[in-house]
Amino acid sequence: MFKYLWGEVLKGVLRNKCANTLLLFICLFSITPLFASDPTLTQKKPIRIGITSVILDQKQQFLETWKAYFEARLNQPVEFVQRDSYGKITSHLLKGELDFGWICGYPYVQHQSLLNLVATPLFKGKPLYQSYLIVAKTDTETHSINDLKNTVFAYSDPDSNSGYLYAQYSLRKNDINPESFFSQTFFTWQHENTVEAVAVGLAKAGQIDSYIWESMKQQNNPFIKKTRIAHKSEPFGFPPLVATKTISPQLQKSIQHILLSMRNNAQGRRLLEQLNIDGFKITNKELYDDILKMHLFIEKQKHAAS
């Protein structure tokens, strides 16, 4: 089935409508967990946590286990709401339709006055990750995004720092207009899909999250074996878990405590292992200053050109 979908995308590429074609086949779904049989839980309002697609072999099973982990410690039902883009999760947060969200640093810096930082995951021991420029394994000539003029380029998500903002900044800081530099661009809406698009030749290159690429490598994903990293960015603040300003400080502290203490018990460590992170840490907004600076630089350039 997936081969058929990519076949349709390829037809879209040939018609210069790749982005529209790909959008037709993105699957948007939300996970509505089954609450525990405890009647005291079902009588309470669920805590809604928004997430984007996570690379897990058994997504729903993991989320059910994580949900139960939260509920046992909160004595309140928890609902995970999964969407296929950071933009949709951020929109739900800003509309008050979610209480918490695991989003990227890019939408966080754009809306930090409306969101509270709750905790930041630790990846390889630090609350940091990078943006990877990836190309096919057979491509030995590409060493930076500047080498990709007049090629097809895959972005992961328009609200992703690693999958979009950094690529835009890398070109614009060298006075290159991304809109005219590539022959064609499209969004895959998931970092995993960007890896696949490059691996099968739908794109010459793509920009993705280092955490996703490394996690796929750990899982021996076949598409990873067909790609290589052409360039790595400097470290950025890892995508954080945030809360809306309207939730109670007590609830925020409760969620924060649960996340921070996961590495202190066997069940929590198993969940962290499945997520391929080491734990969570309290951070501050300054961790995301580099992302904010790139965003402001691009906005200033766009304003000057208009």
Foldseek 3Di string as FASTA:
>chain_A
DVVVLVVQLLVCVVVQNNQVSLVVPDDFDWDFDDDDPPPQQVVADAAEEEEEDADFPDVNVLVNLVQVLLCVLPVYGYGYTYGLALVVVLVCQVVVVHFKYQHALQVCLVQVVFKAFQWAFAAPRHQKWWKFKKAFPPDPPFQDPLVAFAWEEEAAHCSHCQRHLVSCLVQVVVVHHPVRRYVYYHYNSHQVSQLVCRLVVVGRITMHIRLVLVVCVVVVPVSSVGMDTNDIDDMARHRTMIGGPPDDPVVSVSVSVSQQCLLVDDSSCVSCVSSNTNTIGDDDSVSHVVSSVSVVVVVVVVVVVD
